[in-house]
Amino acid sequence: MLHCERPACVSACIVGALSKLEDGSVVWDDSKCIGCRYCMVACQFQIPTYDYNKSIDPHIRKCDLCYDRRKDGKLPACVDICTNEVLLFGKRTELLRIAKNRIKRKSDVYVDHIYGEQEIGGISWMYLATKNFDKLKMPTLGVNPAPRTSESIQHGIFAYFVPPVTLYALLGIIMWITKRSKEEDIEDSHEPKPDKKEEEL
């Protein structure tokens, strides 16, 4: 739902099933998804959900800002149905300008904070509130995008695909040694043991 500027779910998706579009929406492609659910683990807002009740063709579920509706020039359904203009849709810069004006005009009503302007690098779904966001149980997050650290580690470790090859080679050697020692143990167990009488002689 929140459509981060630097989405952790997109960064975590190993097959590119999740992507961020130019309009800011984060969308999911079911034809690419392998059901690993890394996106669910990566999301700091716990937005993506999974069809656990479907054994065949389960889907990841999340808001895509009504991507199909917007292709036809319509507003997202939640914005379209909101009669009091509590929800607004538009360019992020324009929405920030409107939000700041509302806070300025009604400083006695709104908390002087736009949730999502800075959090984890910024999100496209931003909030105004009449009380502190920690009291509304919104996660307290820093300003650095979540993927910044994880991507630097991943790209450092897996550069040029050398470490994975090394890891698989090491695992292969361990498996070969283990198999070899088991075979030797089996051979030793099949060898005939000398008779006690022969040993005494």
Protein backbone atom coordinates (compact mmCIF):
# COMPACT_ATOMS: atom_id res chain seq x y z
CA MET A 1 0.00 0.00 0.00
CA LEU A 2 2.69 2.52 0.94
CA HIS A 3 4.74 2.41 -2.28
CA CYS A 4 8.18 3.35 -0.96
CA GLU A 5 10.53 5.50 -3.00
CA ARG A 6 13.16 2.75 -2.54
CA PRO A 7 10.98 -0.32 -1.87
CA ALA A 8 12.58 -3.12 0.14
CA CYS A 9 10.14 -5.65 -1.35
CA VAL A 10 11.37 -4.88 -4.88
CA SER A 11 14.99 -5.16 -3.74
CA ALA A 12 14.32 -8.50 -2.02
CA CYS A 13 12.46 -10.08 -4.96
CA ILE A 14 14.94 -12.45 -6.60
CA VAL A 15 12.95 -12.91 -9.82
CA GLY A 16 11.77 -9.35 -10.48
CA ALA A 17 8.10 -10.11 -9.81
CA LEU A 18 7.78 -6.83 -7.92
CA SER A 19 8.72 -3.60 -9.64
CA LYS A 20 8.38 0.13 -9.11
CA LEU A 21 6.83 2.03 -12.00
CA GLU A 22 7.61 5.57 -13.09
CA ASP A 23 4.37 6.84 -11.53
CA GLY A 24 5.57 5.66 -8.10
CA SER A 25 3.37 2.58 -7.75
CA VAL A 26 4.87 -0.77 -6.74
CA VAL A 27 3.19 -3.57 -8.69
CA TRP A 28 3.35 -7.38 -8.70
CA ASP A 29 3.63 -9.67 -11.75
CA ASP A 30 2.15 -13.09 -10.96
CA SER A 31 3.73 -14.65 -14.07
CA LYS A 32 7.21 -14.17 -12.54
CA CYS A 33 6.49 -14.87 -8.87
CA ILE A 34 7.85 -18.14 -7.43
CA GLY A 35 6.13 -17.75 -4.05
CA CYS A 36 9.30 -17.31 -1.97
CA ARG A 37 7.63 -14.53 0.10
CA TYR A 38 10.92 -12.65 0.60
CA CYS A 39 8.94 -9.46 -0.12
CA MET A 40 6.81 -10.11 2.96
CA VAL A 41 9.89 -10.47 5.15
CA ALA A 42 11.60 -7.42 3.64
CA CYS A 43 8.67 -5.01 4.00
CA GLN A 44 9.04 -2.90 7.13
CA PHE A 45 5.34 -2.09 7.02
CA GLN A 46 4.24 -5.74 6.59
CA ILE A 47 2.10 -4.83 3.59
CA PRO A 48 2.33 -7.82 1.17
CA THR A 49 0.11 -10.75 2.13
CA TYR A 50 -0.03 -14.28 0.72
CA ASP A 51 -2.90 -16.59 -0.27
CA TYR A 52 -2.10 -19.32 2.27
CA ASN A 53 -5.57 -20.79 1.78
CA LYS A 54 -4.88 -21.54 -1.90
CA SER A 55 -2.76 -24.61 -2.61
CA ILE A 56 -2.82 -24.01 -6.38
CA ASP A 57 -1.75 -20.68 -7.84
CA PRO A 58 -1.53 -18.60 -4.66
CA HIS A 59 -0.89 -14.87 -5.10
CA ILE A 60 0.89 -12.09 -3.27
CA ARG A 61 -1.65 -9.39 -2.40
CA LYS A 62 -0.88 -5.69 -2.07
CA CYS A 63 -2.25 -2.36 -3.21
CA ASP A 64 -1.05 -1.39 -6.69
CA LEU A 65 -2.73 2.04 -6.65
CA CYS A 66 -5.38 0.56 -8.95
CA TYR A 67 -2.93 0.30 -11.83
CA ASP A 68 -5.54 -1.14 -14.22
CA ARG A 69 -8.02 1.65 -13.45
CA ARG A 70 -5.39 4.33 -13.93
CA LYS A 71 -4.50 2.96 -17.36
CA ASP A 72 -8.05 3.99 -18.34
CA GLY A 73 -7.52 7.48 -16.88
CA LYS A 74 -9.48 6.80 -13.67
CA LEU A 75 -8.44 7.57 -10.11
CA PRO A 76 -7.62 4.79 -7.64
CA ALA A 77 -10.92 3.41 -6.28
CA CYS A 78 -10.31 4.52 -2.68
CA VAL A 79 -9.64 8.12 -3.81
CA ASP A 80 -12.56 8.10 -6.23
CA ILE A 81 -15.07 7.03 -3.58
CA CYS A 82 -13.81 9.40 -0.85
CA THR A 83 -16.37 12.22 -0.75
CA ASN A 84 -14.57 14.39 1.85
CA GLU A 85 -11.25 14.47 -0.03
CA VAL A 86 -9.50 12.83 2.88
CA LEU A 87 -7.59 10.84 0.27
CA LEU A 88 -5.85 12.68 -2.55
CA PHE A 89 -3.99 11.33 -5.57
CA GLY A 90 -1.37 13.12 -7.63
CA LYS A 91 2.31 13.87 -7.98
CA ARG A 92 4.26 13.45 -4.76
CA THR A 93 5.63 17.01 -4.85
CA GLU A 94 2.12 18.42 -5.26
CA LEU A 95 0.73 16.28 -2.43
CA LEU A 96 3.54 17.41 -0.13
CA ARG A 97 2.74 21.03 -0.96
CA ILE A 98 -0.96 20.50 -0.15
CA ALA A 99 -0.11 18.65 3.09
CA LYS A 100 2.22 21.41 4.28
CA ASN A 101 -0.42 24.04 3.51
CA ARG A 102 -3.03 22.09 5.50
CA ILE A 103 -0.68 21.84 8.49
CA LYS A 104 0.07 25.57 8.24
CA ARG A 105 -3.60 26.55 7.98
CA LYS A 106 -4.73 24.22 10.78
CA SER A 107 -1.71 24.06 13.07
CA ASP A 108 -4.04 23.61 16.05
CA VAL A 109 -5.48 20.44 14.47
CA TYR A 110 -2.63 18.64 12.72
CA VAL A 111 0.67 17.41 14.13
CA ASP A 112 3.56 19.15 12.35
CA HIS A 113 4.75 15.99 10.67
CA ILE A 114 3.96 14.35 7.34
CA TYR A 115 4.39 10.64 7.87
CA GLY A 116 6.09 9.25 4.78
CA GLU A 117 7.90 12.37 3.65
CA GLN A 118 11.23 11.23 5.09
CA GLU A 119 10.64 7.75 6.57
CA ILE A 120 12.93 5.14 4.97
CA GLY A 121 13.73 7.49 2.13
CA GLY A 122 10.12 8.54 1.57
CA ILE A 123 6.91 6.76 0.66
CA SER A 124 4.23 7.63 -1.87
CA TRP A 125 1.33 7.04 0.53
CA MET A 126 1.65 9.83 3.10
CA TYR A 127 -0.37 10.69 6.19
CA LEU A 128 -1.46 13.71 8.22
CA ALA A 129 -2.75 13.12 11.74
CA THR A 130 -4.18 14.94 14.72
CA LYS A 131 -1.95 13.08 17.19
CA ASN A 132 1.60 11.74 17.26
CA PHE A 133 2.12 8.83 14.90
CA ASP A 134 3.65 6.59 17.59
CA LYS A 135 0.29 6.76 19.39
CA LEU A 136 -1.33 5.59 16.14
CA LYS A 137 1.04 2.60 16.16
CA MET A 138 2.78 3.66 12.98
CA PRO A 139 6.33 2.22 12.83
CA THR A 140 9.08 4.57 13.93
CA LEU A 141 11.63 4.38 11.14
CA GLY A 142 14.81 6.19 10.15
CA VAL A 143 15.32 8.22 7.00
CA ASN A 144 17.65 5.79 5.21
CA PRO A 145 16.04 3.52 2.60
CA ALA A 146 15.89 -0.10 3.76
CA PRO A 147 17.57 -1.55 0.63
CA ARG A 148 20.64 0.69 0.94
CA THR A 149 22.40 -1.56 3.47
CA SER A 150 21.13 -4.91 2.21
CA GLU A 151 21.96 -4.16 -1.44
CA SER A 152 25.49 -3.02 -0.63
CA ILE A 153 26.07 -6.27 1.28
CA GLN A 154 24.48 -8.44 -1.43
CA HIS A 155 26.33 -6.75 -4.26
CA GLY A 156 29.61 -6.98 -2.35
CA ILE A 157 29.19 -10.67 -1.56
CA PHE A 158 27.80 -11.82 -4.89
CA ALA A 159 29.86 -9.66 -7.25
CA TYR A 160 30.70 -11.55 -10.49
CA PHE A 161 28.98 -14.68 -9.10
CA VAL A 162 32.30 -15.87 -7.59
CA PRO A 163 31.18 -16.43 -3.95
CA PRO A 164 28.15 -18.60 -4.87
CA VAL A 165 30.35 -20.80 -7.07
CA THR A 166 32.91 -21.06 -4.26
CA LEU A 167 30.16 -21.90 -1.77
CA TYR A 168 28.72 -24.64 -4.00
CA ALA A 169 32.21 -26.06 -4.59
CA LEU A 170 32.86 -26.15 -0.85
CA LEU A 171 29.53 -27.87 -0.19
CA GLY A 172 30.30 -30.38 -2.95
CA ILE A 173 33.69 -31.22 -1.39
CA ILE A 174 32.08 -31.70 2.05
CA MET A 175 29.43 -33.99 0.54
CA TRP A 176 32.09 -36.00 -1.32
CA ILE A 177 34.21 -36.44 1.85
CA THR A 178 31.13 -37.46 3.88
CA LYS A 179 30.04 -39.97 1.24
CA ARG A 180 33.56 -41.40 0.99
CA SER A 181 33.85 -41.90 4.76
CA LYS A 182 30.44 -43.62 4.84
CA GLU A 183 31.50 -45.99 2.04
CA GLU A 184 34.68 -46.86 3.95
CA ASP A 185 32.68 -47.55 7.10
CA ILE A 186 30.38 -49.90 5.14
CA GLU A 187 33.37 -51.73 3.62
CA ASP A 188 34.93 -52.16 7.07
CA SER A 189 31.68 -53.56 8.47
CA HIS A 190 31.51 -56.26 5.70
CA GLU A 191 35.05 -57.55 6.20
CA PRO A 192 35.10 -60.97 8.01
CA LYS A 193 36.33 -60.73 11.59
CA PRO A 194 39.02 -63.24 12.69
CA ASP A 195 37.89 -66.13 14.89
CA LYS A 196 38.85 -65.90 18.58
CA LYS A 197 40.44 -69.38 18.46
CA GLU A 198 42.66 -68.36 15.57
CA GLU A 199 43.71 -65.27 17.51
CA GLU A 200 44.75 -67.46 20.49
CA LEU A 201 46.86 -69.70 18.31
